[in-house]
């Protein structure tokens, strides 16, 4: 899959049990090493908001998702100002770290591609 999130090998890895067994521990280690969960973030909170597709996707979140996202951003900002991560009981758990924004971004990209495919009217003046 191509998109603003880049090339994803996840579908291929998930189809192979052997490859999945090798990659899953590395992916878990990497997510823990990145440190974003220590500040209460989910992975999709780190997407660049200046990207037009992400901006449009943010408008499609439910009010509860928008509130939760804003709360996570403010809480992490406060922890960053204090130069300490959140207490361990407030860290984002791996099972809570779900991709809530990526499906919206993918839909926005697909809609934009469809719009470009259908918007091919050429006006010729005579």
PDB file of N, CA and C in Angstrom:
ATOM      1  N   UNK A   1       0.840  -1.165   0.000  1.00  0.00           N
ATOM      2  CA  UNK A   1       0.000   0.000   0.000  1.00  0.00           C
ATOM      3  C   UNK A   1       0.888   1.232   0.000  1.00  0.00           C
ATOM      4  N   UNK A   2       0.598   2.168  -0.871  1.00  0.00           N
ATOM      5  CA  UNK A   2       1.318   3.427  -0.911  1.00  0.00           C
ATOM      6  C   UNK A   2       0.398   4.513  -0.383  1.00  0.00           C
ATOM      7  N   UNK A   3       0.948   5.518   0.207  1.00  0.00           N
ATOM      8  CA  UNK A   3       0.146   6.614   0.726  1.00  0.00           C
ATOM      9  C   UNK A   3       1.035   7.588   1.458  1.00  0.00           C
ATOM     10  N   UNK A   4       0.429   8.521   2.170  1.00  0.00           N
ATOM     11  CA  UNK A   4       1.228   9.499   2.896  1.00  0.00           C
ATOM     12  C   UNK A   4       1.997   8.862   4.040  1.00  0.00           C
ATOM     13  N   UNK A   5       1.605   7.660   4.416  1.00  0.00           N
ATOM     14  CA  UNK A   5       2.294   6.969   5.492  1.00  0.00           C
ATOM     15  C   UNK A   5       3.456   6.143   4.975  1.00  0.00           C
ATOM     16  N   UNK A   6       3.645   6.075   3.664  1.00  0.00           N
ATOM     17  CA  UNK A   6       4.766   5.358   3.084  1.00  0.00           C
ATOM     18  C   UNK A   6       4.394   3.958   2.647  1.00  0.00           C
ATOM     19  N   UNK A   7       5.396   3.211   2.253  1.00  0.00           N
ATOM     20  CA  UNK A   7       5.223   1.840   1.815  1.00  0.00           C
ATOM     21  C   UNK A   7       5.079   0.944   3.033  1.00  0.00           C
ATOM     22  N   UNK A   8       4.105   0.076   3.033  1.00  0.00           N
ATOM     23  CA  UNK A   8       3.861  -0.795   4.172  1.00  0.00           C
ATOM     24  C   UNK A   8       4.093  -2.248   3.775  1.00  0.00           C
ATOM     25  N   UNK A   9       4.931  -2.918   4.539  1.00  0.00           N
ATOM     26  CA  UNK A   9       5.162  -4.345   4.340  1.00  0.00           C
ATOM     27  C   UNK A   9       4.293  -5.187   5.274  1.00  0.00           C
ATOM     28  N   UNK A  10       3.491  -4.534   6.087  1.00  0.00           N
ATOM     29  CA  UNK A  10       2.685  -5.228   7.088  1.00  0.00           C
ATOM     30  C   UNK A  10       1.788  -6.311   6.490  1.00  0.00           C
ATOM     31  N   UNK A  11       1.076  -6.059   5.390  1.00  0.00           N
ATOM     32  CA  UNK A  11       0.226  -7.136   4.856  1.00  0.00           C
ATOM     33  C   UNK A  11       1.034  -8.375   4.460  1.00  0.00           C
ATOM     34  N   UNK A  12       2.203  -8.158   3.895  1.00  0.00           N
ATOM     35  CA  UNK A  12       3.043  -9.287   3.498  1.00  0.00           C
ATOM     36  C   UNK A  12       3.556 -10.037   4.727  1.00  0.00           C
ATOM     37  N   UNK A  13       3.987  -9.303   5.737  1.00  0.00           N
ATOM     38  CA  UNK A  13       4.509  -9.931   6.957  1.00  0.00           C
ATOM     39  C   UNK A  13       3.402 -10.705   7.657  1.00  0.00           C
ATOM     40  N   UNK A  14       2.196 -10.153   7.692  1.00  0.00           N
ATOM     41  CA  UNK A  14       1.091 -10.831   8.379  1.00  0.00           C
ATOM     42  C   UNK A  14       0.656 -12.114   7.688  1.00  0.00           C
ATOM     43  N   UNK A  15       0.919 -12.254   6.392  1.00  0.00           N
ATOM     44  CA  UNK A  15       0.526 -13.479   5.689  1.00  0.00           C
ATOM     45  C   UNK A  15       1.483 -14.627   5.963  1.00  0.00           C
ATOM     46  N   UNK A  16       2.678 -14.323   6.416  1.00  0.00           N
ATOM     47  CA  UNK A  16       3.664 -15.361   6.685  1.00  0.00           C
ATOM     48  C   UNK A  16       3.851 -15.522   8.190  1.00  0.00           C
ATOM     49  N   UNK A  17       3.522 -16.712   8.706  1.00  0.00           N
ATOM     50  CA  UNK A  17       3.662 -16.955  10.144  1.00  0.00           C
ATOM     51  C   UNK A  17       5.122 -16.912  10.576  1.00  0.00           C
ATOM     52  N   UNK A  18       6.000 -17.467   9.768  1.00  0.00           N
ATOM     53  CA  UNK A  18       7.419 -17.486  10.113  1.00  0.00           C
ATOM     54  C   UNK A  18       7.984 -16.077  10.146  1.00  0.00           C
ATOM     55  N   UNK A  19       7.702 -15.317   9.129  1.00  0.00           N
ATOM     56  CA  UNK A  19       8.196 -13.945   9.070  1.00  0.00           C
ATOM     57  C   UNK A  19       7.590 -13.107  10.193  1.00  0.00           C
ATOM     58  N   UNK A  20       6.339 -13.346  10.491  1.00  0.00           N
ATOM     59  CA  UNK A  20       5.673 -12.607  11.566  1.00  0.00           C
ATOM     60  C   UNK A  20       6.327 -12.903  12.911  1.00  0.00           C
ATOM     61  N   UNK A  21       6.713 -14.167  13.134  1.00  0.00           N
ATOM     62  CA  UNK A  21       7.389 -14.517  14.385  1.00  0.00           C
ATOM     63  C   UNK A  21       8.736 -13.824  14.525  1.00  0.00           C
ATOM     64  N   UNK A  22       9.404 -13.570  13.417  1.00  0.00           N
ATOM     65  CA  UNK A  22      10.700 -12.889  13.452  1.00  0.00           C
ATOM     66  C   UNK A  22      10.555 -11.382  13.590  1.00  0.00           C
ATOM     67  N   UNK A  23       9.562 -10.832  12.947  1.00  0.00           N
ATOM     68  CA  UNK A  23       9.422  -9.379  12.898  1.00  0.00           C
ATOM     69  C   UNK A  23       8.714  -8.824  14.133  1.00  0.00           C
ATOM     70  N   UNK A  24       7.762  -9.555  14.699  1.00  0.00           N
ATOM     71  CA  UNK A  24       6.971  -9.049  15.824  1.00  0.00           C
ATOM     72  C   UNK A  24       7.824  -8.628  17.021  1.00  0.00           C
ATOM     73  N   UNK A  25       8.808  -9.424  17.450  1.00  0.00           N
ATOM     74  CA  UNK A  25       9.627  -8.967  18.585  1.00  0.00           C
ATOM     75  C   UNK A  25      10.441  -7.710  18.265  1.00  0.00           C
ATOM     76  N   UNK A  26      10.912  -7.602  17.034  1.00  0.00           N
ATOM     77  CA  UNK A  26      11.673  -6.412  16.641  1.00  0.00           C
ATOM     78  C   UNK A  26      10.753  -5.195  16.622  1.00  0.00           C
ATOM     79  N   UNK A  27       9.538  -5.362  16.117  1.00  0.00           N
ATOM     80  CA  UNK A  27       8.582  -4.260  16.086  1.00  0.00           C
ATOM     81  C   UNK A  27       8.204  -3.826  17.495  1.00  0.00           C
ATOM     82  N   UNK A  28       8.011  -4.768  18.391  1.00  0.00           N
ATOM     83  CA  UNK A  28       7.700  -4.442  19.783  1.00  0.00           C
ATOM     84  C   UNK A  28       8.859  -3.708  20.436  1.00  0.00           C
ATOM     85  N   UNK A  29      10.068  -4.195  20.202  1.00  0.00           N
ATOM     86  CA  UNK A  29      11.245  -3.522  20.756  1.00  0.00           C
ATOM     87  C   UNK A  29      11.350  -2.096  20.221  1.00  0.00           C
ATOM     88  N   UNK A  30      11.142  -1.922  18.938  1.00  0.00           N
ATOM     89  CA  UNK A  30      11.256  -0.599  18.327  1.00  0.00           C
ATOM     90  C   UNK A  30      10.213   0.360  18.891  1.00  0.00           C
ATOM     91  N   UNK A  31       8.985  -0.113  19.040  1.00  0.00           N
ATOM     92  CA  UNK A  31       7.926   0.754  19.592  1.00  0.00           C
ATOM     93  C   UNK A  31       8.267   1.168  21.019  1.00  0.00           C
ATOM     94  N   UNK A  32       8.817   0.262  21.801  1.00  0.00           N
ATOM     95  CA  UNK A  32       9.209   0.606  23.168  1.00  0.00           C
ATOM     96  C   UNK A  32      10.418   1.539  23.177  1.00  0.00           C
ATOM     97  N   UNK A  33      11.353   1.331  22.259  1.00  0.00           N
ATOM     98  CA  UNK A  33      12.553   2.171  22.198  1.00  0.00           C
ATOM     99  C   UNK A  33      12.236   3.577  21.710  1.00  0.00           C
ATOM    100  N   UNK A  34      11.193   3.708  20.893  1.00  0.00           N
ATOM    101  CA  UNK A  34      10.829   5.037  20.392  1.00  0.00           C
ATOM    102  C   UNK A  34      10.413   5.958  21.531  1.00  0.00           C
ATOM    103  N   UNK A  35       9.818   5.426  22.571  1.00  0.00           N
ATOM    104  CA  UNK A  35       9.517   6.186  23.774  1.00  0.00           C
ATOM    105  C   UNK A  35       8.235   6.993  23.749  1.00  0.00           C
ATOM    106  N   UNK A  36       7.476   6.942  22.673  1.00  0.00           N
ATOM    107  CA  UNK A  36       6.269   7.765  22.621  1.00  0.00           C
ATOM    108  C   UNK A  36       5.199   7.264  23.584  1.00  0.00           C
ATOM    109  N   UNK A  37       5.206   5.983  23.895  1.00  0.00           N
ATOM    110  CA  UNK A  37       4.211   5.445  24.823  1.00  0.00           C
ATOM    111  C   UNK A  37       4.459   5.920  26.256  1.00  0.00           C
ATOM    112  N   UNK A  38       5.700   6.264  26.582  1.00  0.00           N
ATOM    113  CA  UNK A  38       6.019   6.758  27.926  1.00  0.00           C
ATOM    114  C   UNK A  38       5.357   8.106  28.204  1.00  0.00           C
ATOM    115  N   UNK A  39       5.013   8.812  27.136  1.00  0.00           N
ATOM    116  CA  UNK A  39       4.363  10.105  27.280  1.00  0.00           C
ATOM    117  C   UNK A  39       2.864  10.028  27.015  1.00  0.00           C
ATOM    118  N   UNK A  40       2.343   8.812  26.860  1.00  0.00           N
ATOM    119  CA  UNK A  40       0.910   8.617  26.696  1.00  0.00           C
ATOM    120  C   UNK A  40       0.412   8.741  25.270  1.00  0.00           C
ATOM    121  N   UNK A  41       1.328   8.838  24.307  1.00  0.00           N
ATOM    122  CA  UNK A  41       0.927   8.960  22.909  1.00  0.00           C
ATOM    123  C   UNK A  41       0.516   7.623  22.325  1.00  0.00           C
ATOM    124  N   UNK A  42      -0.324   7.693  21.300  1.00  0.00           N
ATOM    125  CA  UNK A  42      -0.554   6.568  20.402  1.00  0.00           C
ATOM    126  C   UNK A  42       0.234   6.866  19.139  1.00  0.00           C
ATOM    127  N   UNK A  43       0.490   5.851  18.336  1.00  0.00           N
ATOM    128  CA  UNK A  43       1.327   6.026  17.151  1.00  0.00           C
ATOM    129  C   UNK A  43       0.781   7.110  16.219  1.00  0.00           C
ATOM    130  N   UNK A  44      -0.515   7.130  16.015  1.00  0.00           N
ATOM    131  CA  UNK A  44      -1.104   8.098  15.087  1.00  0.00           C
ATOM    132  C   UNK A  44      -1.046   9.534  15.601  1.00  0.00           C
ATOM    133  N   UNK A  45      -0.773   9.728  16.888  1.00  0.00           N
ATOM    134  CA  UNK A  45      -0.598  11.080  17.410  1.00  0.00           C
ATOM    135  C   UNK A  45       0.671  11.720  16.858  1.00  0.00           C
ATOM    136  N   UNK A  46       1.580  10.917  16.328  1.00  0.00           N
ATOM    137  CA  UNK A  46       2.860  11.416  15.849  1.00  0.00           C
ATOM    138  C   UNK A  46       2.850  11.778  14.369  1.00  0.00           C
ATOM    139  N   UNK A  47       1.740  11.549  13.684  1.00  0.00           N
ATOM    140  CA  UNK A  47       1.664  11.912  12.267  1.00  0.00           C
ATOM    141  C   UNK A  47       1.779  13.426  12.122  1.00  0.00           C
ATOM    142  N   UNK A  48       2.442  13.868  11.071  1.00  0.00           N
ATOM    143  CA  UNK A  48       2.679  15.290  10.850  1.00  0.00           C
ATOM    144  C   UNK A  48       1.365  15.980  10.499  1.00  0.00           C
ATOM    145  N   UNK A  49       0.940  16.906  11.345  1.00  0.00           N
ATOM    146  CA  UNK A  49      -0.350  17.562  11.143  1.00  0.00           C
ATOM    147  C   UNK A  49      -0.336  18.558   9.994  1.00  0.00           C
ATOM    148  N   UNK A  50       0.831  19.000   9.567  1.00  0.00           N
ATOM    149  CA  UNK A  50       0.906  19.957   8.468  1.00  0.00           C
ATOM    150  C   UNK A  50       0.575  19.324   7.125  1.00  0.00           C
ATOM    151  N   UNK A  51       0.533  18.016   7.066  1.00  0.00           N
ATOM    152  CA  UNK A  51       0.174  17.299   5.854  1.00  0.00           C
ATOM    153  C   UNK A  51      -1.321  17.528   5.584  1.00  0.00           C
ATOM    154  N   UNK A  52      -1.683  17.998   4.376  1.00  0.00           N
ATOM    155  CA  UNK A  52      -3.108  18.283   4.101  1.00  0.00           C
ATOM    156  C   UNK A  52      -4.017  17.077   4.271  1.00  0.00           C
ATOM    157  N   UNK A  53      -3.529  15.888   3.927  1.00  0.00           N
ATOM    158  CA  UNK A  53      -4.355  14.695   4.084  1.00  0.00           C
ATOM    159  C   UNK A  53      -4.640  14.425   5.558  1.00  0.00           C
ATOM    160  N   UNK A  54      -3.638  14.620   6.398  1.00  0.00           N
ATOM    161  CA  UNK A  54      -3.821  14.405   7.835  1.00  0.00           C
ATOM    162  C   UNK A  54      -4.765  15.461   8.402  1.00  0.00           C
ATOM    163  N   UNK A  55      -4.658  16.693   7.941  1.00  0.00           N
ATOM    164  CA  UNK A  55      -5.569  17.740   8.407  1.00  0.00           C
ATOM    165  C   UNK A  55      -7.013  17.395   8.078  1.00  0.00           C
ATOM    166  N   UNK A  56      -7.256  16.909   6.873  1.00  0.00           N
ATOM    167  CA  UNK A  56      -8.626  16.523   6.503  1.00  0.00           C
ATOM    168  C   UNK A  56      -9.088  15.315   7.300  1.00  0.00           C
ATOM    169  N   UNK A  57      -8.176  14.379   7.563  1.00  0.00           N
ATOM    170  CA  UNK A  57      -8.532  13.193   8.337  1.00  0.00           C
ATOM    171  C   UNK A  57      -8.874  13.566   9.782  1.00  0.00           C
ATOM    172  N   UNK A  58      -8.193  14.558  10.333  1.00  0.00           N
ATOM    173  CA  UNK A  58      -8.479  14.983  11.703  1.00  0.00           C
ATOM    174  C   UNK A  58      -9.899  15.532  11.840  1.00  0.00           C
ATOM    175  N   UNK A  59     -10.419  16.119  10.778  1.00  0.00           N
ATOM    176  CA  UNK A  59     -11.790  16.640  10.838  1.00  0.00           C
ATOM    177  C   UNK A  59     -12.819  15.515  10.845  1.00  0.00           C
ATOM    178  N   UNK A  60     -12.414  14.307  10.498  1.00  0.00           N
ATOM    179  CA  UNK A  60     -13.339  13.177  10.428  1.00  0.00           C
ATOM    180  C   UNK A  60     -13.391  12.360  11.711  1.00  0.00           C
ATOM    181  N   UNK A  61     -12.597  12.734  12.695  1.00  0.00           N
ATOM    182  CA  UNK A  61     -12.626  12.018  13.966  1.00  0.00           C
ATOM    183  C   UNK A  61     -13.923  12.320  14.701  1.00  0.00           C
ATOM    184  N   UNK A  62     -14.352  11.371  15.495  1.00  0.00           N
ATOM    185  CA  UNK A  62     -15.528  11.602  16.330  1.00  0.00           C
ATOM    186  C   UNK A  62     -15.147  12.605  17.422  1.00  0.00           C
ATOM    187  N   UNK A  63     -16.128  13.251  18.037  1.00  0.00           N
ATOM    188  CA  UNK A  63     -15.801  14.183  19.128  1.00  0.00           C
ATOM    189  C   UNK A  63     -15.014  13.518  20.258  1.00  0.00           C
ATOM    190  N   UNK A  64     -15.341  12.272  20.576  1.00  0.00           N
ATOM    191  CA  UNK A  64     -14.615  11.573  21.644  1.00  0.00           C
ATOM    192  C   UNK A  64     -13.161  11.338  21.244  1.00  0.00           C
ATOM    193  N   UNK A  65     -12.925  10.928  19.991  1.00  0.00           N
ATOM    194  CA  UNK A  65     -11.552  10.717  19.525  1.00  0.00           C
ATOM    195  C   UNK A  65     -10.770  12.024  19.500  1.00  0.00           C
ATOM    196  N   UNK A  66     -11.415  13.098  19.080  1.00  0.00           N
ATOM    197  CA  UNK A  66     -10.753  14.403  19.064  1.00  0.00           C
ATOM    198  C   UNK A  66     -10.387  14.846  20.467  1.00  0.00           C
ATOM    199  N   UNK A  67     -11.308  14.657  21.406  1.00  0.00           N
ATOM    200  CA  UNK A  67     -11.039  15.034  22.794  1.00  0.00           C
ATOM    201  C   UNK A  67      -9.890  14.210  23.364  1.00  0.00           C
ATOM    202  N   UNK A  68      -9.927  12.896  23.140  1.00  0.00           N
ATOM    203  CA  UNK A  68      -8.863  12.030  23.646  1.00  0.00           C
ATOM    204  C   UNK A  68      -7.513  12.413  23.063  1.00  0.00           C
ATOM    205  N   UNK A  69      -7.482  12.732  21.785  1.00  0.00           N
ATOM    206  CA  UNK A  69      -6.231  13.139  21.129  1.00  0.00           C
ATOM    207  C   UNK A  69      -5.715  14.435  21.751  1.00  0.00           C
ATOM    208  N   UNK A  70      -6.585  15.419  21.911  1.00  0.00           N
ATOM    209  CA  UNK A  70      -6.166  16.693  22.504  1.00  0.00           C
ATOM    210  C   UNK A  70      -5.665  16.487  23.932  1.00  0.00           C
ATOM    211  N   UNK A  71      -6.328  15.620  24.682  1.00  0.00           N
ATOM    212  CA  UNK A  71      -5.909  15.336  26.054  1.00  0.00           C
ATOM    213  C   UNK A  71      -4.519  14.698  26.073  1.00  0.00           C
ATOM    214  N   UNK A  72      -4.301  13.730  25.174  1.00  0.00           N
ATOM    215  CA  UNK A  72      -2.981  13.082  25.123  1.00  0.00           C
ATOM    216  C   UNK A  72      -1.894  14.087  24.759  1.00  0.00           C
ATOM    217  N   UNK A  73      -2.185  14.975  23.807  1.00  0.00           N
ATOM    218  CA  UNK A  73      -1.193  15.972  23.397  1.00  0.00           C
ATOM    219  C   UNK A  73      -0.870  16.935  24.540  1.00  0.00           C
ATOM    220  N   UNK A  74      -1.876  17.398  25.262  1.00  0.00           N
ATOM    221  CA  UNK A  74      -1.646  18.323  26.374  1.00  0.00           C
ATOM    222  C   UNK A  74      -0.906  17.643  27.516  1.00  0.00           C
ATOM    223  N   UNK A  75      -1.283  16.413  27.821  1.00  0.00           N
ATOM    224  CA  UNK A  75      -0.632  15.683  28.913  1.00  0.00           C
ATOM    225  C   UNK A  75       0.830  15.416  28.581  1.00  0.00           C
ATOM    226  N   UNK A  76       1.108  15.040  27.339  1.00  0.00           N
ATOM    227  CA  UNK A  76       2.491  14.793  26.924  1.00  0.00           C
ATOM    228  C   UNK A  76       3.297  16.085  26.898  1.00  0.00           C
ATOM    229  N   UNK A  77       2.663  17.175  26.498  1.00  0.00           N
ATOM    230  CA  UNK A  77       3.338  18.469  26.492  1.00  0.00           C
ATOM    231  C   UNK A  77       3.738  18.870  27.910  1.00  0.00           C
ATOM    232  N   UNK A  78       2.851  18.663  28.855  1.00  0.00           N
ATOM    233  CA  UNK A  78       3.157  18.985  30.254  1.00  0.00           C
ATOM    234  C   UNK A  78       4.292  18.109  30.775  1.00  0.00           C
ATOM    235  N   UNK A  79       4.267  16.826  30.449  1.00  0.00           N
ATOM    236  CA  UNK A  79       5.337  15.926  30.876  1.00  0.00           C
ATOM    237  C   UNK A  79       6.671  16.338  30.253  1.00  0.00           C
ATOM    238  N   UNK A  80       6.618  16.806  29.011  1.00  0.00           N
ATOM    239  CA  UNK A  80       7.839  17.257  28.341  1.00  0.00           C
ATOM    240  C   UNK A  80       8.404  18.509  29.002  1.00  0.00           C
ATOM    241  N   UNK A  81       7.534  19.432  29.398  1.00  0.00           N
ATOM    242  CA  UNK A  81       7.981  20.646  30.090  1.00  0.00           C
ATOM    243  C   UNK A  81       8.646  20.281  31.412  1.00  0.00           C
ATOM    244  N   UNK A  82       8.123  19.273  32.086  1.00  0.00           N
ATOM    245  CA  UNK A  82       8.698  18.838  33.359  1.00  0.00           C
ATOM    246  C   UNK A  82       9.925  17.948  33.182  1.00  0.00           C
ATOM    247  N   UNK A  83      10.244  17.591  31.937  1.00  0.00           N
ATOM    248  CA  UNK A  83      11.395  16.743  31.603  1.00  0.00           C
ATOM    249  C   UNK A  83      11.335  15.367  32.258  1.00  0.00           C
ATOM    250  N   UNK A  84      10.114  14.852  32.443  1.00  0.00           N
ATOM    251  CA  UNK A  84       9.944  13.505  32.985  1.00  0.00           C
ATOM    252  C   UNK A  84       8.805  12.819  32.260  1.00  0.00           C
ATOM    253  N   UNK A  85       8.963  11.543  31.956  1.00  0.00           N
ATOM    254  CA  UNK A  85       7.832  10.822  31.360  1.00  0.00           C
ATOM    255  C   UNK A  85       6.718  10.647  32.391  1.00  0.00           C
ATOM    256  N   UNK A  86       5.572  10.220  31.922  1.00  0.00           N
ATOM    257  CA  UNK A  86       4.435   9.975  32.808  1.00  0.00           C
ATOM    258  C   UNK A  86       4.738   8.815  33.744  1.00  0.00           C
ATOM    259  N   UNK A  87       3.999   8.710  34.844  1.00  0.00           N
ATOM    260  CA  UNK A  87       4.139   7.518  35.691  1.00  0.00           C
ATOM    261  C   UNK A  87       3.810   6.262  34.879  1.00  0.00           C
ATOM    262  N   UNK A  88       4.443   5.180  35.228  1.00  0.00           N
ATOM    263  CA  UNK A  88       4.333   3.957  34.431  1.00  0.00           C
ATOM    264  C   UNK A  88       2.881   3.484  34.264  1.00  0.00           C
ATOM    265  N   UNK A  89       2.032   3.713  35.231  1.00  0.00           N
ATOM    266  CA  UNK A  89       0.637   3.274  35.110  1.00  0.00           C
ATOM    267  C   UNK A  89      -0.150   4.110  34.098  1.00  0.00           C
ATOM    268  N   UNK A  90       0.399   5.248  33.645  1.00  0.00           N
ATOM    269  CA  UNK A  90      -0.270   6.095  32.662  1.00  0.00           C
ATOM    270  C   UNK A  90       0.316   5.934  31.257  1.00  0.00           C
ATOM    271  N   UNK A  91       1.319   5.101  31.096  1.00  0.00           N
ATOM    272  CA  UNK A  91       1.889   4.862  29.773  1.00  0.00           C
ATOM    273  C   UNK A  91       0.842   4.190  28.887  1.00  0.00           C
ATOM    274  N   UNK A  92       0.950   4.408  27.600  1.00  0.00           N
ATOM    275  CA  UNK A  92       0.057   3.736  26.655  1.00  0.00           C
ATOM    276  C   UNK A  92       0.473   2.274  26.548  1.00  0.00           C
ATOM    277  N   UNK A  93      -0.468   1.396  26.780  1.00  0.00           N
ATOM    278  CA  UNK A  93      -0.185  -0.043  26.694  1.00  0.00           C
ATOM    279  C   UNK A  93      -0.215  -0.469  25.225  1.00  0.00           C
ATOM    280  N   UNK A  94       0.556  -1.487  24.868  1.00  0.00           N
ATOM    281  CA  UNK A  94       0.589  -1.917  23.462  1.00  0.00           C
ATOM    282  C   UNK A  94      -0.792  -2.257  22.902  1.00  0.00           C
ATOM    283  N   UNK A  95      -1.671  -2.846  23.702  1.00  0.00           N
ATOM    284  CA  UNK A  95      -3.001  -3.195  23.195  1.00  0.00           C
ATOM    285  C   UNK A  95      -3.885  -1.963  23.008  1.00  0.00           C
ATOM    286  N   UNK A  96      -3.548  -0.843  23.648  1.00  0.00           N
ATOM    287  CA  UNK A  96      -4.296   0.404  23.473  1.00  0.00           C
ATOM    288  C   UNK A  96      -3.784   1.214  22.289  1.00  0.00           C
ATOM    289  N   UNK A  97      -2.591   0.892  21.820  1.00  0.00           N
ATOM    290  CA  UNK A  97      -1.949   1.661  20.747  1.00  0.00           C
ATOM    291  C   UNK A  97      -2.482   1.201  19.392  1.00  0.00           C
ATOM    292  N   UNK A  98      -3.707   1.615  19.095  1.00  0.00           N
ATOM    293  CA  UNK A  98      -4.360   1.228  17.842  1.00  0.00           C
ATOM    294  C   UNK A  98      -4.305   2.391  16.863  1.00  0.00           C
ATOM    295  N   UNK A  99      -4.342   2.073  15.588  1.00  0.00           N
ATOM    296  CA  UNK A  99      -4.293   3.087  14.529  1.00  0.00           C
ATOM    297  C   UNK A  99      -5.690   3.668  14.341  1.00  0.00           C
ATOM    298  N   UNK A 100      -5.967   4.787  14.987  1.00  0.00           N
ATOM    299  CA  UNK A 100      -7.285   5.395  14.897  1.00  0.00           C
ATOM    300  C   UNK A 100      -7.376   6.428  13.780  1.00  0.00           C
ATOM    301  N   UNK A 101      -6.256   6.988  13.352  1.00  0.00           N
ATOM    302  CA  UNK A 101      -6.281   8.037  12.339  1.00  0.00           C
ATOM    303  C   UNK A 101      -5.907   7.523  10.945  1.00  0.00           C
ATOM    304  N   UNK A 102      -5.102   6.479  10.875  1.00  0.00           N
ATOM    305  CA  UNK A 102      -4.623   5.957   9.592  1.00  0.00           C
ATOM    306  C   UNK A 102      -5.762   5.583   8.631  1.00  0.00           C
ATOM    307  N   UNK A 103      -6.843   4.930   9.086  1.00  0.00           N
ATOM    308  CA  UNK A 103      -7.922   4.622   8.138  1.00  0.00           C
ATOM    309  C   UNK A 103      -8.539   5.878   7.528  1.00  0.00           C
ATOM    310  N   UNK A 104      -8.655   6.937   8.330  1.00  0.00           N
ATOM    311  CA  UNK A 104      -9.198   8.191   7.799  1.00  0.00           C
ATOM    312  C   UNK A 104      -8.249   8.803   6.775  1.00  0.00           C
ATOM    313  N   UNK A 105      -6.944   8.745   7.056  1.00  0.00           N
ATOM    314  CA  UNK A 105      -5.960   9.287   6.120  1.00  0.00           C
ATOM    315  C   UNK A 105      -5.998   8.504   4.810  1.00  0.00           C
ATOM    316  N   UNK A 106      -6.093   7.186   4.901  1.00  0.00           N
ATOM    317  CA  UNK A 106      -6.152   6.359   3.696  1.00  0.00           C
ATOM    318  C   UNK A 106      -7.404   6.683   2.876  1.00  0.00           C
ATOM    319  N   UNK A 107      -8.536   6.896   3.553  1.00  0.00           N
ATOM    320  CA  UNK A 107      -9.759   7.269   2.834  1.00  0.00           C
ATOM    321  C   UNK A 107      -9.613   8.617   2.147  1.00  0.00           C
ATOM    322  N   UNK A 108      -8.979   9.573   2.811  1.00  0.00           N
ATOM    323  CA  UNK A 108      -8.762  10.892   2.210  1.00  0.00           C
ATOM    324  C   UNK A 108      -7.898  10.761   0.961  1.00  0.00           C
ATOM    325  N   UNK A 109      -6.838   9.962   1.044  1.00  0.00           N
ATOM    326  CA  UNK A 109      -5.942   9.773  -0.111  1.00  0.00           C
ATOM    327  C   UNK A 109      -6.698   9.106  -1.254  1.00  0.00           C
ATOM    328  N   UNK A 110      -7.499   8.084  -0.959  1.00  0.00           N
ATOM    329  CA  UNK A 110      -8.272   7.409  -2.001  1.00  0.00           C
ATOM    330  C   UNK A 110      -9.278   8.363  -2.645  1.00  0.00           C
ATOM    331  N   UNK A 111      -9.925   9.175  -1.822  1.00  0.00           N
ATOM    332  CA  UNK A 111     -10.880  10.138  -2.370  1.00  0.00           C
ATOM    333  C   UNK A 111     -10.187  11.162  -3.266  1.00  0.00           C
ATOM    334  N   UNK A 112      -9.004  11.593  -2.868  1.00  0.00           N
ATOM    335  CA  UNK A 112      -8.255  12.559  -3.679  1.00  0.00           C
ATOM    336  C   UNK A 112      -7.833  11.936  -5.014  1.00  0.00           C
ATOM    337  N   UNK A 113      -7.397  10.680  -4.978  1.00  0.00           N
ATOM    338  CA  UNK A 113      -7.036   9.989  -6.221  1.00  0.00           C
ATOM    339  C   UNK A 113      -8.258   9.835  -7.119  1.00  0.00           C
ATOM    340  N   UNK A 114      -9.398   9.493  -6.538  1.00  0.00           N
ATOM    341  CA  UNK A 114     -10.626   9.357  -7.320  1.00  0.00           C
ATOM    342  C   UNK A 114     -11.055  10.700  -7.909  1.00  0.00           C
ATOM    343  N   UNK A 115     -10.908  11.746  -7.105  1.00  0.00           N
ATOM    344  CA  UNK A 115     -11.262  13.080  -7.585  1.00  0.00           C
ATOM    345  C   UNK A 115     -10.391  13.472  -8.773  1.00  0.00           C
ATOM    346  N   UNK A 116      -9.095  13.170  -8.693  1.00  0.00           N
ATOM    347  CA  UNK A 116      -8.192  13.487  -9.800  1.00  0.00           C
ATOM    348  C   UNK A 116      -8.526  12.665 -11.041  1.00  0.00           C
ATOM    349  N   UNK A 117      -8.937  11.416 -10.837  1.00  0.00           N
ATOM    350  CA  UNK A 117      -9.276  10.558 -11.975  1.00  0.00           C
ATOM    351  C   UNK A 117     -10.538  11.046 -12.682  1.00  0.00           C
ATOM    352  N   UNK A 118     -11.509  11.549 -11.929  1.00  0.00           N
ATOM    353  CA  UNK A 118     -12.764  11.979 -12.524  1.00  0.00           C
ATOM    354  C   UNK A 118     -12.759  13.443 -12.926  1.00  0.00           C
ATOM    355  N   UNK A 119     -11.872  14.217 -12.342  1.00  0.00           N
ATOM    356  CA  UNK A 119     -11.851  15.645 -12.640  1.00  0.00           C
ATOM    357  C   UNK A 119     -10.883  15.892 -13.808  1.00  0.00           C
ATOM    358  N   UNK A 120     -11.300  15.534 -14.971  1.00  0.00           N
ATOM    359  CA  UNK A 120     -10.447  15.660 -16.154  1.00  0.00           C
ATOM    360  C   UNK A 120     -11.117  16.483 -17.257  1.00  0.00           C
ATOM    361  N   UNK A 121     -12.018  17.334 -16.859  1.00  0.00           N
ATOM    362  CA  UNK A 121     -12.707  18.169 -17.824  1.00  0.00           C
ATOM    363  C   UNK A 121     -11.739  19.234 -18.360  1.00  0.00           C
ATOM    364  N   UNK A 122     -11.671  19.328 -19.669  1.00  0.00           N
ATOM    365  CA  UNK A 122     -10.813  20.311 -20.313  1.00  0.00           C
ATOM    366  C   UNK A 122     -11.710  21.303 -21.044  1.00  0.00           C
ATOM    367  N   UNK A 123     -11.565  22.565 -20.710  1.00  0.00           N
ATOM    368  CA  UNK A 123     -12.350  23.609 -21.361  1.00  0.00           C
ATOM    369  C   UNK A 123     -11.516  24.209 -22.488  1.00  0.00           C
ATOM    370  N   UNK A 124     -12.074  24.147 -23.701  1.00  0.00           N
ATOM    371  CA  UNK A 124     -11.387  24.707 -24.864  1.00  0.00           C
ATOM    372  C   UNK A 124     -12.222  25.844 -25.393  1.00  0.00           C
ATOM    373  N   UNK A 125     -11.611  26.984 -25.483  1.00  0.00           N
ATOM    374  CA  UNK A 125     -12.330  28.156 -26.032  1.00  0.00           C
ATOM    375  C   UNK A 125     -12.165  28.177 -27.534  1.00  0.00           C
ATOM    376  N   UNK A 126     -13.259  28.488 -28.203  1.00  0.00           N
ATOM    377  CA  UNK A 126     -13.224  28.544 -29.668  1.00  0.00           C
ATOM    378  C   UNK A 126     -13.349  29.961 -30.123  1.00  0.00           C
TER     379      UNK A 126
END
